[in-house]
Amino acid sequence: MSTLTPSSGGYSILDQMVPIVCIIGWSGSGKTTLIEGLLRAFKRRGLKVATVKHHPHASGVFPPGKDTTRHLEAGAEEVVLLTPEGLILQERREGEPSLEEVAIRHLRGCDLILAEGFKGSSYPKVEVYREGVGEGFLFDRVEGVIALVTDSAVKAPLPKFRPKEVEPLADFLQGRFISQTEVSLLADGKVVRLNPFVRRLFGGIVEAMVRPLKGCEDVKEAILHWRKE
C-alpha cells in the first residue's frame, strides 16, 4: 500500500504525528534532569509535552499477584488503574511497541514528545554529555543528533548548550519542531476548541489542498467556508 506524502503532492496522517525528540546520553549524564527542566519551560509557555522512557528490562513492571497483573494474565488486552491522582495504563504484549505507535495511540493531544533514550531510533536527538561519564561523545557515532548539552569545551559541529541553558534549548526545540500554524473552527456560529493533533490534522489537510492550486504556492492564510443544506 503506497502512502501519499507532501513531497509527492499528497497527504499522510503520519506527517501530522506529534513531533518526537530523543534525549540521549550515558547513564549519569543528566538526561532526566534536562527533561525536567524542559518540561517546566514548556509548561510555562502553555505547551503540552509528554515523555516516554525507554526501559530495557521488564522486571517489576507487572508485579506478581497484583490485581492488575492478574487481569492481564486472565486475558485483558489493556488494564487501566484509576486513582484520585490520575491513571496508569498497562498493556502486556509480545515485543516492544514503537515510538510511532505510542505517539499515535496514546499521545495525540500533545505538542511535543520527549523520549529519554532511543539512541538507535531515526528521530532527532539531543545529546547530554558530562565529563568523566561514559565512553566519550555520541554525536559522532549516532545519527540524528541535532544539539549537544554539555559543560565541556569541545568544539562540535552542531548547536551547543550548557546544562543550565534550558530556556535557550527550549527556544531551539520549539522553533524547530512545534508548529506555529493557527487553525480556527467556527461551527454554526460557535467556536470549537481543537486539540494539537486536530489542529495539525486540519492544517495539514488544508495546506495540502490549497498549495497545489495556481497562485497559492506561497499562501499564508486560507479561509474555508463549508455549508450543508
N, C-alpha and C. Protein backbone atom coordinates (compact mmCIF):
# COMPACT_ATOMS: atom_id res chain seq x y z
N MET A 1 0.85 -1.20 0.00
CA MET A 1 0.00 0.00 0.00
C MET A 1 0.88 1.24 0.00
N SER A 2 0.70 2.12 -0.96
CA SER A 2 1.50 3.33 -1.02
C SER A 2 0.94 4.38 -0.08
N THR A 3 1.81 5.25 0.40
CA THR A 3 1.41 6.33 1.30
C THR A 3 1.70 7.65 0.63
N LEU A 4 0.70 8.52 0.57
CA LEU A 4 0.88 9.83 0.00
C LEU A 4 1.60 10.72 1.00
N THR A 5 2.57 11.47 0.56
CA THR A 5 3.29 12.40 1.42
C THR A 5 3.28 13.76 0.76
N PRO A 6 3.50 14.85 1.53
CA PRO A 6 3.52 16.17 0.93
C PRO A 6 4.51 16.29 -0.21
N SER A 7 5.64 15.60 -0.11
CA SER A 7 6.65 15.71 -1.16
C SER A 7 6.17 15.11 -2.47
N SER A 8 5.19 14.18 -2.39
CA SER A 8 4.68 13.57 -3.61
C SER A 8 3.38 14.24 -4.05
N GLY A 9 3.05 15.37 -3.39
CA GLY A 9 1.84 16.08 -3.77
C GLY A 9 0.61 15.59 -3.06
N GLY A 10 0.74 14.66 -2.13
CA GLY A 10 -0.40 14.13 -1.40
C GLY A 10 -0.34 14.48 0.06
N TYR A 11 -0.94 13.61 0.88
CA TYR A 11 -1.04 13.91 2.31
C TYR A 11 -1.04 12.61 3.09
N SER A 12 -0.32 12.58 4.18
CA SER A 12 -0.30 11.41 5.05
C SER A 12 -0.55 11.84 6.48
N ILE A 13 -1.40 11.08 7.19
CA ILE A 13 -1.68 11.40 8.59
C ILE A 13 -0.41 11.31 9.42
N LEU A 14 0.57 10.49 9.00
CA LEU A 14 1.81 10.36 9.76
C LEU A 14 2.58 11.67 9.79
N ASP A 15 2.37 12.53 8.77
CA ASP A 15 3.06 13.81 8.76
C ASP A 15 2.54 14.73 9.85
N GLN A 16 1.37 14.42 10.41
CA GLN A 16 0.79 15.24 11.46
C GLN A 16 0.97 14.59 12.83
N MET A 17 1.79 13.56 12.93
CA MET A 17 2.07 12.93 14.20
C MET A 17 2.81 13.90 15.11
N VAL A 18 2.62 13.75 16.39
CA VAL A 18 3.30 14.61 17.35
C VAL A 18 4.81 14.49 17.15
N PRO A 19 5.53 15.60 17.05
CA PRO A 19 6.98 15.52 16.87
C PRO A 19 7.65 14.87 18.08
N ILE A 20 8.68 14.08 17.82
CA ILE A 20 9.40 13.35 18.86
C ILE A 20 10.86 13.77 18.84
N VAL A 21 11.39 14.09 20.01
CA VAL A 21 12.81 14.39 20.17
C VAL A 21 13.36 13.48 21.25
N CYS A 22 14.44 12.77 20.95
CA CYS A 22 15.05 11.85 21.91
C CYS A 22 16.17 12.56 22.68
N ILE A 23 16.19 12.36 23.97
CA ILE A 23 17.26 12.88 24.82
C ILE A 23 18.18 11.72 25.15
N ILE A 24 19.39 11.75 24.63
CA ILE A 24 20.29 10.60 24.77
C ILE A 24 21.54 10.99 25.56
N GLY A 25 22.25 9.99 26.04
CA GLY A 25 23.48 10.22 26.78
C GLY A 25 23.77 9.03 27.67
N TRP A 26 24.99 8.96 28.17
CA TRP A 26 25.37 7.87 29.04
C TRP A 26 24.62 7.97 30.36
N SER A 27 24.50 6.85 31.06
CA SER A 27 23.86 6.84 32.37
C SER A 27 24.62 7.77 33.31
N GLY A 28 23.89 8.65 33.99
CA GLY A 28 24.52 9.60 34.90
C GLY A 28 24.91 10.91 34.27
N SER A 29 24.57 11.10 32.98
CA SER A 29 24.96 12.33 32.29
C SER A 29 24.02 13.50 32.58
N GLY A 30 22.82 13.21 33.08
CA GLY A 30 21.88 14.29 33.39
C GLY A 30 20.68 14.36 32.46
N LYS A 31 20.34 13.27 31.81
CA LYS A 31 19.21 13.27 30.87
C LYS A 31 17.89 13.62 31.57
N THR A 32 17.62 12.94 32.68
CA THR A 32 16.36 13.16 33.38
C THR A 32 16.27 14.59 33.91
N THR A 33 17.37 15.11 34.43
CA THR A 33 17.38 16.49 34.94
C THR A 33 17.07 17.47 33.82
N LEU A 34 17.66 17.24 32.64
CA LEU A 34 17.39 18.12 31.50
C LEU A 34 15.93 18.05 31.09
N ILE A 35 15.38 16.84 31.04
CA ILE A 35 13.97 16.69 30.66
C ILE A 35 13.07 17.41 31.66
N GLU A 36 13.38 17.31 32.95
CA GLU A 36 12.59 18.02 33.95
C GLU A 36 12.61 19.53 33.69
N GLY A 37 13.78 20.06 33.37
CA GLY A 37 13.88 21.49 33.08
C GLY A 37 13.10 21.89 31.84
N LEU A 38 13.19 21.07 30.79
CA LEU A 38 12.45 21.37 29.56
C LEU A 38 10.95 21.30 29.79
N LEU A 39 10.50 20.32 30.57
CA LEU A 39 9.07 20.21 30.86
C LEU A 39 8.56 21.46 31.56
N ARG A 40 9.31 21.96 32.53
CA ARG A 40 8.89 23.17 33.24
C ARG A 40 8.87 24.37 32.30
N ALA A 41 9.87 24.46 31.42
CA ALA A 41 9.94 25.58 30.48
C ALA A 41 8.76 25.56 29.51
N PHE A 42 8.46 24.39 28.96
CA PHE A 42 7.34 24.30 28.02
C PHE A 42 6.00 24.51 28.73
N LYS A 43 5.90 24.04 29.97
CA LYS A 43 4.67 24.24 30.74
C LYS A 43 4.39 25.72 30.93
N ARG A 44 5.41 26.50 31.22
CA ARG A 44 5.24 27.95 31.38
C ARG A 44 4.78 28.60 30.09
N ARG A 45 5.06 27.98 28.97
CA ARG A 45 4.66 28.54 27.67
C ARG A 45 3.27 28.06 27.24
N GLY A 46 2.64 27.25 28.08
CA GLY A 46 1.31 26.76 27.75
C GLY A 46 1.30 25.59 26.79
N LEU A 47 2.44 24.93 26.61
CA LEU A 47 2.53 23.79 25.70
C LEU A 47 2.32 22.48 26.44
N LYS A 48 1.76 21.51 25.74
CA LYS A 48 1.53 20.18 26.31
C LYS A 48 2.61 19.24 25.80
N VAL A 49 3.43 18.75 26.73
CA VAL A 49 4.55 17.89 26.37
C VAL A 49 4.43 16.57 27.12
N ALA A 50 4.61 15.48 26.41
CA ALA A 50 4.60 14.14 27.02
C ALA A 50 6.01 13.57 27.00
N THR A 51 6.25 12.58 27.84
CA THR A 51 7.56 11.92 27.86
C THR A 51 7.38 10.41 27.71
N VAL A 52 8.38 9.79 27.12
CA VAL A 52 8.45 8.34 27.01
C VAL A 52 9.82 7.92 27.51
N LYS A 53 9.87 6.97 28.40
CA LYS A 53 11.13 6.48 28.96
C LYS A 53 11.38 5.07 28.45
N HIS A 54 12.56 4.85 27.89
CA HIS A 54 12.91 3.51 27.43
C HIS A 54 13.51 2.72 28.58
N HIS A 55 12.92 1.56 28.88
CA HIS A 55 13.39 0.70 29.96
C HIS A 55 13.73 -0.66 29.37
N PRO A 56 15.00 -1.02 29.31
CA PRO A 56 15.38 -2.27 28.64
C PRO A 56 14.99 -3.53 29.39
N HIS A 57 14.63 -3.41 30.66
CA HIS A 57 14.30 -4.59 31.46
C HIS A 57 12.84 -4.52 31.90
N ALA A 58 12.13 -5.63 31.77
CA ALA A 58 10.70 -5.66 32.09
C ALA A 58 10.42 -6.02 33.54
N SER A 59 11.42 -6.43 34.29
CA SER A 59 11.19 -6.88 35.66
C SER A 59 10.60 -5.75 36.51
N GLY A 60 9.56 -6.08 37.27
CA GLY A 60 8.93 -5.12 38.15
C GLY A 60 7.81 -4.33 37.53
N VAL A 61 7.65 -4.42 36.21
CA VAL A 61 6.58 -3.66 35.55
C VAL A 61 5.22 -4.25 35.88
N PHE A 62 5.15 -5.58 35.93
CA PHE A 62 3.90 -6.26 36.26
C PHE A 62 4.12 -7.10 37.52
N PRO A 63 3.94 -6.51 38.71
CA PRO A 63 4.21 -7.23 39.97
C PRO A 63 3.33 -8.47 40.10
N PRO A 64 3.91 -9.64 40.36
CA PRO A 64 3.12 -10.87 40.51
C PRO A 64 2.09 -10.74 41.63
N GLY A 65 0.90 -11.24 41.36
CA GLY A 65 -0.14 -11.26 42.38
C GLY A 65 -0.98 -10.01 42.47
N LYS A 66 -0.53 -8.90 41.87
CA LYS A 66 -1.32 -7.67 41.90
C LYS A 66 -2.58 -7.85 41.05
N ASP A 67 -3.65 -7.17 41.45
CA ASP A 67 -4.92 -7.31 40.74
C ASP A 67 -4.78 -7.01 39.25
N THR A 68 -4.08 -5.91 38.93
CA THR A 68 -3.94 -5.54 37.52
C THR A 68 -3.16 -6.59 36.74
N THR A 69 -2.13 -7.17 37.37
CA THR A 69 -1.37 -8.24 36.71
C THR A 69 -2.24 -9.46 36.49
N ARG A 70 -3.07 -9.78 37.45
CA ARG A 70 -3.97 -10.93 37.31
C ARG A 70 -4.97 -10.69 36.18
N HIS A 71 -5.44 -9.45 36.03
CA HIS A 71 -6.35 -9.14 34.93
C HIS A 71 -5.67 -9.41 33.59
N LEU A 72 -4.42 -8.95 33.46
CA LEU A 72 -3.68 -9.17 32.21
C LEU A 72 -3.44 -10.65 31.96
N GLU A 73 -3.08 -11.37 33.01
CA GLU A 73 -2.82 -12.80 32.86
C GLU A 73 -4.08 -13.57 32.50
N ALA A 74 -5.24 -13.02 32.88
CA ALA A 74 -6.51 -13.68 32.57
C ALA A 74 -6.99 -13.37 31.16
N GLY A 75 -6.30 -12.44 30.48
CA GLY A 75 -6.65 -12.18 29.09
C GLY A 75 -7.04 -10.77 28.74
N ALA A 76 -6.98 -9.83 29.69
CA ALA A 76 -7.32 -8.44 29.37
C ALA A 76 -6.31 -7.87 28.37
N GLU A 77 -6.82 -7.18 27.34
CA GLU A 77 -5.93 -6.55 26.37
C GLU A 77 -5.19 -5.38 27.00
N GLU A 78 -5.91 -4.57 27.77
CA GLU A 78 -5.34 -3.44 28.48
C GLU A 78 -6.01 -3.33 29.84
N VAL A 79 -5.29 -2.80 30.81
CA VAL A 79 -5.84 -2.56 32.14
C VAL A 79 -5.57 -1.11 32.51
N VAL A 80 -6.60 -0.42 32.96
CA VAL A 80 -6.45 0.97 33.40
C VAL A 80 -6.69 1.02 34.90
N LEU A 81 -5.72 1.53 35.63
CA LEU A 81 -5.85 1.71 37.08
C LEU A 81 -6.16 3.18 37.34
N LEU A 82 -7.35 3.45 37.88
CA LEU A 82 -7.78 4.81 38.16
C LEU A 82 -7.52 5.15 39.62
N THR A 83 -6.95 6.32 39.86
CA THR A 83 -6.70 6.80 41.22
C THR A 83 -7.12 8.26 41.30
N PRO A 84 -7.27 8.81 42.51
CA PRO A 84 -7.61 10.23 42.63
C PRO A 84 -6.55 11.15 42.02
N GLU A 85 -5.33 10.66 41.82
CA GLU A 85 -4.25 11.49 41.29
C GLU A 85 -4.00 11.27 39.81
N GLY A 86 -4.73 10.36 39.18
CA GLY A 86 -4.52 10.10 37.77
C GLY A 86 -4.80 8.66 37.41
N LEU A 87 -4.21 8.20 36.33
CA LEU A 87 -4.43 6.82 35.89
C LEU A 87 -3.13 6.19 35.41
N ILE A 88 -3.11 4.87 35.44
CA ILE A 88 -1.99 4.09 34.93
C ILE A 88 -2.54 3.09 33.93
N LEU A 89 -2.01 3.10 32.71
CA LEU A 89 -2.42 2.17 31.67
C LEU A 89 -1.38 1.07 31.55
N GLN A 90 -1.83 -0.18 31.64
CA GLN A 90 -0.93 -1.32 31.49
C GLN A 90 -1.39 -2.16 30.31
N GLU A 91 -0.41 -2.64 29.55
CA GLU A 91 -0.70 -3.48 28.40
C GLU A 91 0.42 -4.50 28.26
N ARG A 92 0.08 -5.77 28.34
CA ARG A 92 1.08 -6.82 28.16
C ARG A 92 1.06 -7.25 26.69
N ARG A 93 2.23 -7.37 26.09
CA ARG A 93 2.30 -7.73 24.68
C ARG A 93 3.64 -8.37 24.38
N GLU A 94 3.72 -8.97 23.22
CA GLU A 94 4.98 -9.55 22.75
C GLU A 94 5.72 -8.49 21.94
N GLY A 95 6.94 -8.23 22.32
CA GLY A 95 7.72 -7.25 21.60
C GLY A 95 7.46 -5.83 22.08
N GLU A 96 8.45 -4.99 21.90
CA GLU A 96 8.36 -3.60 22.35
C GLU A 96 7.62 -2.76 21.32
N PRO A 97 6.64 -1.97 21.74
CA PRO A 97 5.94 -1.10 20.79
C PRO A 97 6.87 -0.01 20.28
N SER A 98 6.59 0.47 19.09
CA SER A 98 7.42 1.53 18.51
C SER A 98 6.98 2.88 19.07
N LEU A 99 7.87 3.86 18.95
CA LEU A 99 7.52 5.21 19.36
C LEU A 99 6.35 5.74 18.54
N GLU A 100 6.31 5.38 17.25
CA GLU A 100 5.21 5.82 16.40
C GLU A 100 3.88 5.34 16.94
N GLU A 101 3.82 4.07 17.32
CA GLU A 101 2.57 3.50 17.83
C GLU A 101 2.15 4.19 19.12
N VAL A 102 3.10 4.40 20.01
CA VAL A 102 2.78 5.07 21.28
C VAL A 102 2.26 6.48 21.01
N ALA A 103 2.91 7.20 20.11
CA ALA A 103 2.51 8.58 19.81
C ALA A 103 1.11 8.64 19.22
N ILE A 104 0.82 7.75 18.28
CA ILE A 104 -0.47 7.79 17.59
C ILE A 104 -1.60 7.29 18.49
N ARG A 105 -1.34 6.24 19.26
CA ARG A 105 -2.41 5.65 20.07
C ARG A 105 -2.69 6.41 21.36
N HIS A 106 -1.65 6.98 21.97
CA HIS A 106 -1.83 7.50 23.32
C HIS A 106 -1.49 8.98 23.51
N LEU A 107 -0.73 9.59 22.61
CA LEU A 107 -0.21 10.93 22.89
C LEU A 107 -0.55 11.94 21.81
N ARG A 108 -1.67 11.76 21.14
CA ARG A 108 -2.02 12.63 20.01
C ARG A 108 -2.34 14.06 20.42
N GLY A 109 -2.75 14.26 21.68
CA GLY A 109 -3.15 15.60 22.10
C GLY A 109 -2.01 16.47 22.56
N CYS A 110 -0.78 16.06 22.33
CA CYS A 110 0.38 16.81 22.82
C CYS A 110 1.04 17.62 21.70
N ASP A 111 1.81 18.61 22.11
CA ASP A 111 2.57 19.42 21.15
C ASP A 111 3.93 18.81 20.83
N LEU A 112 4.48 18.05 21.79
CA LEU A 112 5.83 17.51 21.63
C LEU A 112 5.99 16.30 22.54
N ILE A 113 6.79 15.33 22.11
CA ILE A 113 7.14 14.18 22.94
C ILE A 113 8.65 14.19 23.15
N LEU A 114 9.05 14.14 24.42
CA LEU A 114 10.46 13.98 24.76
C LEU A 114 10.69 12.54 25.16
N ALA A 115 11.52 11.84 24.41
CA ALA A 115 11.77 10.42 24.67
C ALA A 115 13.16 10.26 25.27
N GLU A 116 13.24 9.71 26.47
CA GLU A 116 14.53 9.51 27.12
C GLU A 116 15.13 8.18 26.67
N GLY A 117 16.24 8.28 25.98
CA GLY A 117 16.85 7.08 25.41
C GLY A 117 16.58 7.00 23.91
N PHE A 118 16.47 5.78 23.39
CA PHE A 118 16.17 5.53 21.97
C PHE A 118 17.26 6.08 21.05
N LYS A 119 18.53 5.94 21.42
CA LYS A 119 19.59 6.49 20.57
C LYS A 119 19.70 5.76 19.24
N GLY A 120 19.12 4.55 19.14
CA GLY A 120 19.15 3.82 17.89
C GLY A 120 18.00 4.14 16.96
N SER A 121 17.11 5.04 17.37
CA SER A 121 15.95 5.38 16.54
C SER A 121 16.35 6.38 15.46
N SER A 122 15.41 6.65 14.57
CA SER A 122 15.66 7.60 13.48
C SER A 122 15.23 9.02 13.84
N TYR A 123 14.76 9.23 15.06
CA TYR A 123 14.25 10.55 15.45
C TYR A 123 15.38 11.51 15.80
N PRO A 124 15.12 12.81 15.71
CA PRO A 124 16.12 13.80 16.12
C PRO A 124 16.51 13.61 17.58
N LYS A 125 17.76 13.91 17.90
CA LYS A 125 18.27 13.64 19.24
C LYS A 125 19.04 14.83 19.80
N VAL A 126 18.91 15.01 21.10
CA VAL A 126 19.74 15.96 21.84
C VAL A 126 20.64 15.13 22.75
N GLU A 127 21.95 15.30 22.61
CA GLU A 127 22.87 14.54 23.46
C GLU A 127 23.23 15.33 24.71
N VAL A 128 23.17 14.66 25.85
CA VAL A 128 23.63 15.23 27.12
C VAL A 128 24.94 14.55 27.48
N TYR A 129 26.00 15.35 27.67
CA TYR A 129 27.31 14.76 27.97
C TYR A 129 27.91 15.43 29.20
N ARG A 130 28.43 14.62 30.10
CA ARG A 130 29.12 15.11 31.29
C ARG A 130 30.53 14.54 31.30
N GLU A 131 31.51 15.43 31.54
CA GLU A 131 32.91 15.00 31.58
C GLU A 131 33.11 13.87 32.59
N GLY A 132 33.83 12.84 32.18
CA GLY A 132 34.14 11.73 33.07
C GLY A 132 33.06 10.68 33.17
N VAL A 133 31.97 10.86 32.45
CA VAL A 133 30.86 9.89 32.48
C VAL A 133 30.76 9.21 31.12
N GLY A 134 30.74 7.90 31.10
CA GLY A 134 30.56 7.18 29.86
C GLY A 134 31.84 7.02 29.06
N GLU A 135 31.66 6.78 27.78
CA GLU A 135 32.79 6.46 26.90
C GLU A 135 32.91 7.46 25.76
N GLY A 136 32.84 8.72 26.07
CA GLY A 136 33.01 9.75 25.06
C GLY A 136 31.71 10.23 24.46
N PHE A 137 31.83 11.19 23.55
CA PHE A 137 30.66 11.78 22.92
C PHE A 137 29.97 10.78 21.98
N LEU A 138 28.67 10.99 21.81
CA LEU A 138 27.88 10.12 20.94
C LEU A 138 27.57 10.77 19.59
N PHE A 139 27.65 12.11 19.52
CA PHE A 139 27.17 12.78 18.30
C PHE A 139 27.94 12.37 17.05
N ASP A 140 29.19 11.92 17.23
CA ASP A 140 29.96 11.48 16.06
C ASP A 140 29.81 9.99 15.79
N ARG A 141 28.96 9.33 16.60
CA ARG A 141 28.72 7.89 16.42
C ARG A 141 27.26 7.56 16.20
N VAL A 142 26.39 8.46 16.57
CA VAL A 142 24.94 8.23 16.49
C VAL A 142 24.34 9.20 15.49
N GLU A 143 23.49 8.69 14.63
CA GLU A 143 22.85 9.54 13.62
C GLU A 143 21.72 10.36 14.23
N GLY A 144 21.56 11.56 13.71
CA GLY A 144 20.39 12.36 14.07
C GLY A 144 20.57 13.29 15.25
N VAL A 145 21.79 13.45 15.78
CA VAL A 145 21.99 14.36 16.91
C VAL A 145 21.97 15.80 16.39
N ILE A 146 21.06 16.61 16.92
CA ILE A 146 20.87 17.97 16.42
C ILE A 146 21.38 19.03 17.39
N ALA A 147 21.69 18.64 18.63
CA ALA A 147 22.19 19.60 19.61
C ALA A 147 22.94 18.85 20.70
N LEU A 148 23.85 19.57 21.35
CA LEU A 148 24.67 18.99 22.41
C LEU A 148 24.53 19.82 23.67
N VAL A 149 24.28 19.16 24.79
CA VAL A 149 24.18 19.83 26.09
C VAL A 149 25.36 19.36 26.94
N THR A 150 26.28 20.28 27.25
CA THR A 150 27.48 19.89 27.98
C THR A 150 28.20 21.12 28.54
N ASP A 151 29.00 20.91 29.58
CA ASP A 151 29.89 21.94 30.09
C ASP A 151 31.28 21.81 29.49
N SER A 152 31.47 20.79 28.67
CA SER A 152 32.77 20.56 28.05
C SER A 152 33.10 21.67 27.05
N ALA A 153 34.39 21.93 26.88
CA ALA A 153 34.83 22.95 25.94
C ALA A 153 34.97 22.41 24.52
N VAL A 154 34.50 21.20 24.28
CA VAL A 154 34.64 20.59 22.97
C VAL A 154 34.00 21.45 21.89
N LYS A 155 34.64 21.49 20.72
CA LYS A 155 34.07 22.17 19.57
C LYS A 155 33.28 21.16 18.76
N ALA A 156 31.98 21.37 18.68
CA ALA A 156 31.10 20.42 17.99
C ALA A 156 30.45 21.11 16.80
N PRO A 157 30.23 20.37 15.71
CA PRO A 157 29.61 20.94 14.51
C PRO A 157 28.09 21.00 14.61
N LEU A 158 27.58 21.38 15.77
CA LEU A 158 26.14 21.47 15.98
C LEU A 158 25.88 22.41 17.15
N PRO A 159 24.66 22.91 17.29
CA PRO A 159 24.36 23.84 18.39
C PRO A 159 24.71 23.24 19.74
N LYS A 160 25.34 24.06 20.62
CA LYS A 160 25.77 23.57 21.93
C LYS A 160 25.16 24.44 23.02
N PHE A 161 24.67 23.78 24.06
CA PHE A 161 24.05 24.47 25.19
C PHE A 161 24.67 23.96 26.48
N ARG A 162 24.77 24.83 27.47
CA ARG A 162 25.20 24.40 28.79
C ARG A 162 24.01 23.80 29.53
N PRO A 163 24.25 22.93 30.51
CA PRO A 163 23.13 22.29 31.22
C PRO A 163 22.14 23.27 31.82
N LYS A 164 22.61 24.47 32.20
CA LYS A 164 21.71 25.46 32.80
C LYS A 164 20.94 26.27 31.75
N GLU A 165 21.31 26.12 30.49
CA GLU A 165 20.67 26.91 29.43
C GLU A 165 19.42 26.20 28.91
N VAL A 166 18.49 25.98 29.82
CA VAL A 166 17.28 25.24 29.46
C VAL A 166 16.37 26.08 28.57
N GLU A 167 16.18 27.35 28.91
CA GLU A 167 15.29 28.21 28.12
C GLU A 167 15.78 28.36 26.68
N PRO A 168 17.07 28.63 26.45
CA PRO A 168 17.54 28.68 25.06
C PRO A 168 17.34 27.37 24.31
N LEU A 169 17.54 26.25 25.00
CA LEU A 169 17.31 24.95 24.35
C LEU A 169 15.83 24.77 24.04
N ALA A 170 14.97 25.19 24.97
CA ALA A 170 13.52 25.11 24.72
C ALA A 170 13.14 25.98 23.52
N ASP A 171 13.75 27.17 23.40
CA ASP A 171 13.50 28.03 22.24
C ASP A 171 13.90 27.30 20.95
N PHE A 172 15.05 26.67 20.98
CA PHE A 172 15.57 25.95 19.81
C PHE A 172 14.62 24.83 19.40
N LEU A 173 14.17 24.03 20.36
CA LEU A 173 13.28 22.91 20.05
C LEU A 173 11.91 23.39 19.62
N GLN A 174 11.39 24.41 20.27
CA GLN A 174 10.07 24.92 19.90
C GLN A 174 10.09 25.48 18.49
N GLY A 175 11.11 26.24 18.17
CA GLY A 175 11.19 26.83 16.84
C GLY A 175 11.36 25.79 15.74
N ARG A 176 11.99 24.68 16.09
CA ARG A 176 12.27 23.68 15.06
C ARG A 176 11.16 22.64 14.91
N PHE A 177 10.47 22.32 16.00
CA PHE A 177 9.55 21.18 15.95
C PHE A 177 8.08 21.49 16.25
N ILE A 178 7.80 22.57 16.93
CA ILE A 178 6.42 22.84 17.29
C ILE A 178 5.83 23.83 16.31
N SER A 179 4.85 23.39 15.57
CA SER A 179 4.26 24.19 14.50
C SER A 179 3.57 25.43 15.06
N GLN A 180 3.78 26.54 14.37
CA GLN A 180 3.11 27.78 14.74
C GLN A 180 1.85 28.01 13.90
N THR A 181 1.43 26.99 13.16
CA THR A 181 0.24 27.12 12.33
C THR A 181 -1.00 27.31 13.19
N GLU A 182 -1.79 28.31 12.86
CA GLU A 182 -3.03 28.57 13.59
C GLU A 182 -4.21 28.03 12.79
N VAL A 183 -5.08 27.30 13.45
CA VAL A 183 -6.28 26.77 12.83
C VAL A 183 -7.46 27.10 13.73
N SER A 184 -8.47 27.75 13.17
CA SER A 184 -9.67 28.09 13.93
C SER A 184 -10.87 27.43 13.28
N LEU A 185 -11.81 26.97 14.10
CA LEU A 185 -13.01 26.33 13.59
C LEU A 185 -14.24 26.98 14.22
N LEU A 186 -15.13 27.45 13.36
CA LEU A 186 -16.40 28.04 13.79
C LEU A 186 -17.50 27.18 13.21
N ALA A 187 -18.27 26.49 14.05
CA ALA A 187 -19.33 25.58 13.60
C ALA A 187 -20.68 26.11 14.07
N ASP A 188 -21.54 26.44 13.11
CA ASP A 188 -22.86 27.00 13.43
C ASP A 188 -22.74 28.18 14.38
N GLY A 189 -21.74 29.02 14.13
CA GLY A 189 -21.58 30.23 14.93
C GLY A 189 -20.87 30.04 16.25
N LYS A 190 -20.46 28.82 16.56
CA LYS A 190 -19.80 28.55 17.84
C LYS A 190 -18.33 28.19 17.62
N VAL A 191 -17.48 28.75 18.44
CA VAL A 191 -16.05 28.44 18.37
C VAL A 191 -15.81 27.04 18.93
N VAL A 192 -15.13 26.19 18.17
CA VAL A 192 -14.83 24.83 18.59
C VAL A 192 -13.36 24.74 18.98
N ARG A 193 -13.11 24.30 20.20
CA ARG A 193 -11.73 24.15 20.67
C ARG A 193 -11.10 22.91 20.02
N LEU A 194 -9.90 23.07 19.49
CA LEU A 194 -9.21 21.97 18.81
C LEU A 194 -7.95 21.61 19.59
N ASN A 195 -7.76 20.30 19.81
CA ASN A 195 -6.52 19.89 20.47
C ASN A 195 -5.37 19.92 19.46
N PRO A 196 -4.13 19.82 19.92
CA PRO A 196 -2.99 19.94 19.00
C PRO A 196 -3.02 18.97 17.83
N PHE A 197 -3.46 17.72 18.07
CA PHE A 197 -3.50 16.74 16.99
C PHE A 197 -4.48 17.17 15.90
N VAL A 198 -5.68 17.61 16.30
CA VAL A 198 -6.68 18.02 15.31
C VAL A 198 -6.22 19.28 14.58
N ARG A 199 -5.57 20.20 15.29
CA ARG A 199 -5.05 21.40 14.62
C ARG A 199 -4.04 21.02 13.54
N ARG A 200 -3.12 20.11 13.90
CA ARG A 200 -2.13 19.67 12.90
C ARG A 200 -2.81 18.96 11.74
N LEU A 201 -3.83 18.15 12.05
CA LEU A 201 -4.53 17.39 11.03
C LEU A 201 -5.25 18.32 10.06
N PHE A 202 -6.05 19.26 10.60
CA PHE A 202 -6.77 20.21 9.75
C PHE A 202 -5.79 21.06 8.95
N GLY A 203 -4.76 21.57 9.64
CA GLY A 203 -3.80 22.43 8.96
C GLY A 203 -3.10 21.72 7.83
N GLY A 204 -2.71 20.46 8.06
CA GLY A 204 -2.03 19.69 7.02
C GLY A 204 -2.92 19.41 5.83
N ILE A 205 -4.20 19.07 6.10
CA ILE A 205 -5.13 18.77 5.01
C ILE A 205 -5.39 20.02 4.17
N VAL A 206 -5.67 21.15 4.84
CA VAL A 206 -5.97 22.38 4.11
C VAL A 206 -4.76 22.83 3.29
N GLU A 207 -3.57 22.77 3.91
CA GLU A 207 -2.37 23.19 3.19
C GLU A 207 -2.11 22.30 1.98
N ALA A 208 -2.31 20.98 2.15
CA ALA A 208 -2.10 20.05 1.05
C ALA A 208 -3.09 20.28 -0.09
N MET A 209 -4.29 20.77 0.24
CA MET A 209 -5.30 21.03 -0.79
C MET A 209 -5.09 22.37 -1.49
N VAL A 210 -4.64 23.38 -0.72
CA VAL A 210 -4.58 24.74 -1.25
C VAL A 210 -3.30 25.04 -2.01
N ARG A 211 -2.15 24.62 -1.48
CA ARG A 211 -0.87 25.00 -2.09
C ARG A 211 -0.70 24.54 -3.54
N PRO A 212 -1.25 23.38 -3.95
CA PRO A 212 -1.09 22.98 -5.36
C PRO A 212 -1.89 23.85 -6.33
N LEU A 213 -2.85 24.65 -5.82
CA LEU A 213 -3.67 25.48 -6.69
C LEU A 213 -2.85 26.63 -7.28
N LYS A 214 -3.19 27.02 -8.50
CA LYS A 214 -2.46 28.08 -9.18
C LYS A 214 -2.56 29.38 -8.40
N GLY A 215 -1.40 29.98 -8.15
CA GLY A 215 -1.36 31.24 -7.43
C GLY A 215 -1.35 31.10 -5.92
N CYS A 216 -1.40 29.86 -5.43
CA CYS A 216 -1.47 29.63 -3.97
C CYS A 216 -0.21 28.95 -3.42
N GLU A 217 0.85 28.94 -4.21
CA GLU A 217 2.04 28.21 -3.80
C GLU A 217 2.63 28.72 -2.49
N ASP A 218 2.52 30.03 -2.25
CA ASP A 218 3.12 30.63 -1.04
C ASP A 218 2.05 31.20 -0.11
N VAL A 219 0.86 30.63 -0.15
CA VAL A 219 -0.25 31.15 0.65
C VAL A 219 0.09 31.08 2.15
N LYS A 220 -0.28 32.12 2.89
CA LYS A 220 -0.04 32.19 4.33
C LYS A 220 -1.34 32.06 5.13
N GLU A 221 -2.47 32.30 4.48
CA GLU A 221 -3.75 32.22 5.18
C GLU A 221 -4.83 31.75 4.22
N ALA A 222 -5.71 30.90 4.68
CA ALA A 222 -6.82 30.42 3.86
C ALA A 222 -8.07 30.35 4.73
N ILE A 223 -9.19 30.80 4.19
CA ILE A 223 -10.47 30.73 4.89
C ILE A 223 -11.38 29.82 4.09
N LEU A 224 -11.83 28.74 4.69
CA LEU A 224 -12.68 27.75 4.03
C LEU A 224 -14.06 27.78 4.67
N HIS A 225 -15.09 28.01 3.85
CA HIS A 225 -16.45 28.04 4.37
C HIS A 225 -17.21 26.85 3.82
N TRP A 226 -17.74 26.00 4.70
CA TRP A 226 -18.48 24.81 4.30
C TRP A 226 -19.89 24.89 4.84
N ARG A 227 -20.87 24.58 4.00
CA ARG A 227 -22.27 24.66 4.42
C ARG A 227 -23.05 23.50 3.84
N LYS A 228 -23.86 22.89 4.67
CA LYS A 228 -24.70 21.78 4.25
C LYS A 228 -26.16 22.15 4.45
N GLU A 229 -26.92 22.02 3.37
CA GLU A 229 -28.36 22.36 3.44
C GLU A 229 -29.14 21.20 4.04
